[in-house]
C-alpha atoms as a PDB file:
ATOM      1  CA  MET A   1     103.811   5.731 -44.577  1.00  0.00           C
ATOM      2  CA  ASN A   2     105.802   5.011 -47.361  1.00  0.00           C
ATOM      3  CA  GLU A   3     108.540   6.496 -45.842  1.00  0.00           C
ATOM      4  CA  ARG A   4     108.347   4.386 -43.178  1.00  0.00           C
ATOM      5  CA  LEU A   5     108.484   1.492 -45.698  1.00  0.00           C
ATOM      6  CA  ALA A   6     111.359   2.075 -47.256  1.00  0.00           C
ATOM      7  CA  ALA A   7     112.973   2.276 -44.378  1.00  0.00           C
ATOM      8  CA  LEU A   8     111.719  -1.018 -42.918  1.00  0.00           C
ATOM      9  CA  LEU A   9     113.045  -2.304 -46.664  1.00  0.00           C
ATOM     10  CA  THR A  10     116.513  -0.631 -45.370  1.00  0.00           C
ATOM     11  CA  ALA A  11     116.820  -2.479 -42.763  1.00  0.00           C
ATOM     12  CA  ILE A  12     115.394  -6.038 -43.286  1.00  0.00           C
ATOM     13  CA  SER A  13     117.570  -5.831 -46.525  1.00  0.00           C
ATOM     14  CA  ILE A  14     115.087  -7.025 -48.793  1.00  0.00           C
ATOM     15  CA  LYS A  15     113.990  -5.605 -52.219  1.00  0.00           C
ATOM     16  CA  GLN A  16     110.767  -4.939 -53.555  1.00  0.00           C
ATOM     17  CA  ALA A  17     109.976  -7.647 -55.538  1.00  0.00           C
ATOM     18  CA  ALA A  18     110.986  -9.897 -52.732  1.00  0.00           C
ATOM     19  CA  PHE A  19     109.150  -8.098 -49.986  1.00  0.00           C
ATOM     20  CA  ALA A  20     106.074  -8.205 -52.722  1.00  0.00           C
ATOM     21  CA  GLU A  21     106.524 -12.164 -52.674  1.00  0.00           C
ATOM     22  CA  ARG A  22     106.918 -12.626 -48.984  1.00  0.00           C
ATOM     23  CA  ILE A  23     103.361 -10.399 -48.341  1.00  0.00           C
ATOM     24  CA  GLY A  24     101.634 -11.509 -51.195  1.00  0.00           C
ATOM     25  CA  VAL A  25     101.506  -8.839 -53.643  1.00  0.00           C
ATOM     26  CA  ALA A  26     102.540  -7.624 -56.944  1.00  0.00           C
ATOM     27  CA  PRO A  27     105.674  -5.792 -56.895  1.00  0.00           C
ATOM     28  CA  SER A  28     104.064  -2.915 -58.637  1.00  0.00           C
ATOM     29  CA  THR A  29     102.119  -2.568 -55.804  1.00  0.00           C
ATOM     30  CA  VAL A  30     105.092  -2.383 -53.736  1.00  0.00           C
ATOM     31  CA  SER A  31     106.118   0.545 -55.951  1.00  0.00           C
ATOM     32  CA  GLN A  32     103.367   2.371 -55.911  1.00  0.00           C
ATOM     33  CA  TRP A  33     103.610   2.273 -51.982  1.00  0.00           C
ATOM     34  CA  LEU A  34     106.788   3.466 -51.800  1.00  0.00           C
ATOM     35  CA  ASN A  35     106.174   6.475 -54.103  1.00  0.00           C
ATOM     36  CA  GLY A  36     103.340   7.155 -51.993  1.00  0.00           C
ATOM     37  CA  LYS A  37     100.620   6.432 -54.474  1.00  0.00           C
ATOM     38  CA  ARG A  38      98.610   3.691 -52.441  1.00  0.00           C
ATOM     39  CA  VAL A  39      98.732   3.199 -48.993  1.00  0.00           C
ATOM     40  CA  PRO A  40      98.348  -0.465 -48.223  1.00  0.00           C
ATOM     41  CA  SER A  41      95.576  -2.070 -46.329  1.00  0.00           C
ATOM     42  CA  GLU A  42      94.416  -2.311 -42.742  1.00  0.00           C
ATOM     43  CA  ALA A  43      94.824  -6.221 -43.336  1.00  0.00           C
ATOM     44  CA  VAL A  44      98.105  -6.269 -45.263  1.00  0.00           C
ATOM     45  CA  ILE A  45      99.508  -3.627 -42.912  1.00  0.00           C
ATOM     46  CA  ARG A  46      98.840  -6.222 -39.848  1.00  0.00           C
ATOM     47  CA  HIS A  47     100.548  -8.717 -42.209  1.00  0.00           C
ATOM     48  CA  ILE A  48     103.276  -6.827 -42.980  1.00  0.00           C
ATOM     49  CA  CYS A  49     103.592  -6.355 -39.041  1.00  0.00           C
ATOM     50  CA  GLN A  50     103.351 -10.223 -38.530  1.00  0.00           C
ATOM     51  CA  THR A  51     105.650 -11.256 -41.237  1.00  0.00           C
ATOM     52  CA  PHE A  52     108.529  -9.161 -40.555  1.00  0.00           C
ATOM     53  CA  ARG A  53     107.739  -8.613 -36.963  1.00  0.00           C
ATOM     54  CA  VAL A  54     107.459  -4.656 -37.324  1.00  0.00           C
ATOM     55  CA  ASN A  55     105.744  -2.521 -34.786  1.00  0.00           C
ATOM     56  CA  GLN A  56     102.113  -1.538 -36.076  1.00  0.00           C
ATOM     57  CA  ALA A  57     102.181   1.594 -34.133  1.00  0.00           C
ATOM     58  CA  TRP A  58     105.363   2.674 -35.983  1.00  0.00           C
ATOM     59  CA  LEU A  59     104.714   1.729 -39.745  1.00  0.00           C
ATOM     60  CA  GLU A  60     100.980   3.627 -39.252  1.00  0.00           C
ATOM     61  CA  THR A  61     102.494   6.837 -37.382  1.00  0.00           C
ATOM     62  CA  GLY A  62     105.877   6.790 -37.009  1.00  0.00           C
ATOM     63  CA  GLU A  63     105.924   6.178 -33.108  1.00  0.00           C
ATOM     64  CA  GLY A  64     107.544   4.046 -31.316  1.00  0.00           C
ATOM     65  CA  ASP A  65     110.433   2.160 -32.313  1.00  0.00           C
ATOM     66  CA  MET A  66     110.293   0.072 -36.162  1.00  0.00           C
ATOM     67  CA  PHE A  67     110.676  -3.351 -34.313  1.00  0.00           C
ATOM     68  CA  SER A  68     109.825  -4.498 -30.364  1.00  0.00           C
ATOM     69  CA  ALA A  69     112.683  -4.590 -28.215  1.00  0.00           C
ATOM     70  CA  SER A  70     113.118  -7.806 -28.157  1.00  0.00           C
ATOM     71  CA  ASP A  71     113.559  -7.351 -31.974  1.00  0.00           C
ATOM     72  CA  ALA A  72     115.941  -4.871 -31.489  1.00  0.00           C
ATOM     73  CA  ASP A  73     118.223  -6.687 -29.442  1.00  0.00           C
ATOM     74  CA  GLU A  74     117.993  -9.831 -32.090  1.00  0.00           C
ATOM     75  CA  LYS A  75     118.823  -7.197 -35.299  1.00  0.00           C
ATOM     76  CA  LYS A  76     122.032  -5.763 -33.242  1.00  0.00           C
ATOM     77  CA  ALA A  77     123.249  -9.716 -32.324  1.00  0.00           C
ATOM     78  CA  ILE A  78     123.070 -10.415 -36.182  1.00  0.00           C
ATOM     79  CA  GLU A  79     124.261  -7.204 -37.167  1.00  0.00           C
ATOM     80  CA  ARG A  80     126.986  -7.498 -34.444  1.00  0.00           C
ATOM     81  CA  MET A  81     127.462 -11.702 -36.263  1.00  0.00           C
ATOM     82  CA  VAL A  82     127.474 -10.336 -39.953  1.00  0.00           C
ATOM     83  CA  ASN A  83     129.904  -7.702 -39.059  1.00  0.00           C
ATOM     84  CA  GLU A  84     132.444 -10.057 -37.673  1.00  0.00           C
ATOM     85  CA  ARG A  85     131.814 -13.405 -39.223  1.00  0.00           C
ATOM     86  CA  PRO A  86     132.823 -12.950 -43.446  1.00  0.00           C
ATOM     87  CA  LEU A  87     130.564 -17.185 -43.756  1.00  0.00           C
ATOM     88  CA  ALA A  88     127.747 -15.284 -41.917  1.00  0.00           C
ATOM     89  CA  ARG A  89     127.689 -12.150 -44.018  1.00  0.00           C
ATOM     90  CA  ALA A  90     127.575 -14.403 -46.981  1.00  0.00           C
ATOM     91  CA  ILE A  91     124.954 -16.633 -45.938  1.00  0.00           C
ATOM     92  CA  VAL A  92     122.655 -13.530 -45.046  1.00  0.00           C
ATOM     93  CA  LYS A  93     123.473 -12.247 -48.017  1.00  0.00           C
ATOM     94  CA  SER A  94     122.502 -15.380 -49.902  1.00  0.00           C
ATOM     95  CA  LEU A  95     119.603 -15.638 -47.644  1.00  0.00           C
ATOM     96  CA  SER A  96     118.125 -12.382 -48.229  1.00  0.00           C
ATOM     97  CA  GLN A  97     118.229 -13.107 -52.000  1.00  0.00           C
ATOM     98  CA  LEU A  98     115.620 -16.364 -51.790  1.00  0.00           C
ATOM     99  CA  ASN A  99     112.131 -16.770 -53.803  1.00  0.00           C
ATOM    100  CA  GLU A 100     109.575 -18.259 -51.327  1.00  0.00           C
ATOM    101  CA  HIS A 101     109.968 -21.829 -53.161  1.00  0.00           C
ATOM    102  CA  GLU A 102     113.936 -21.493 -52.296  1.00  0.00           C
ATOM    103  CA  TRP A 103     112.899 -20.234 -48.569  1.00  0.00           C
ATOM    104  CA  LYS A 104     110.725 -23.609 -48.399  1.00  0.00           C
ATOM    105  CA  THR A 105     113.243 -25.766 -49.107  1.00  0.00           C
ATOM    106  CA  VAL A 106     115.758 -23.974 -46.677  1.00  0.00           C
ATOM    107  CA  GLU A 107     113.274 -24.349 -43.575  1.00  0.00           C
ATOM    108  CA  LYS A 108     112.659 -27.880 -44.453  1.00  0.00           C
ATOM    109  CA  ILE A 109     116.621 -28.763 -44.518  1.00  0.00           C
ATOM    110  CA  ILE A 110     116.875 -26.764 -41.122  1.00  0.00           C
ATOM    111  CA  SER A 111     113.810 -28.480 -40.103  1.00  0.00           C
ATOM    112  CA  SER A 112     115.644 -32.086 -40.852  1.00  0.00           C
ATOM    113  CA  ILE A 113     118.997 -30.674 -38.984  1.00  0.00           C
ATOM    114  CA  LYS A 114     117.168 -29.795 -35.894  1.00  0.00           C
ATOM    115  CA  THR A 115     115.242 -33.360 -35.838  1.00  0.00           C
ATOM    116  CA  GLU A 116     118.051 -35.413 -35.541  1.00  0.00           C
END
């Protein structure tokens, strides 16, 4: 599972510490998973899959696609946008470095824009 977790972090362009914060575990725990010293519990695996829209069968066994078909299509569209638009690339890079508190602020801003 450690190799699939590493592949997931690469695919979603997230650092270990940010990944740990998003799923509510210590960064050292993620490090131990990635080093193969520990394996996440079933509850944590489900949480990872829900949080990052990962195919649970893939994470547990390596079978199937990392993301569901619709997620894969969405990921391709995002990659295309980021590759074609420098501003989109800068925005995604900035978003990838946010902590949980900063994400909540962004969510509030987006919500206020949607309601106007």
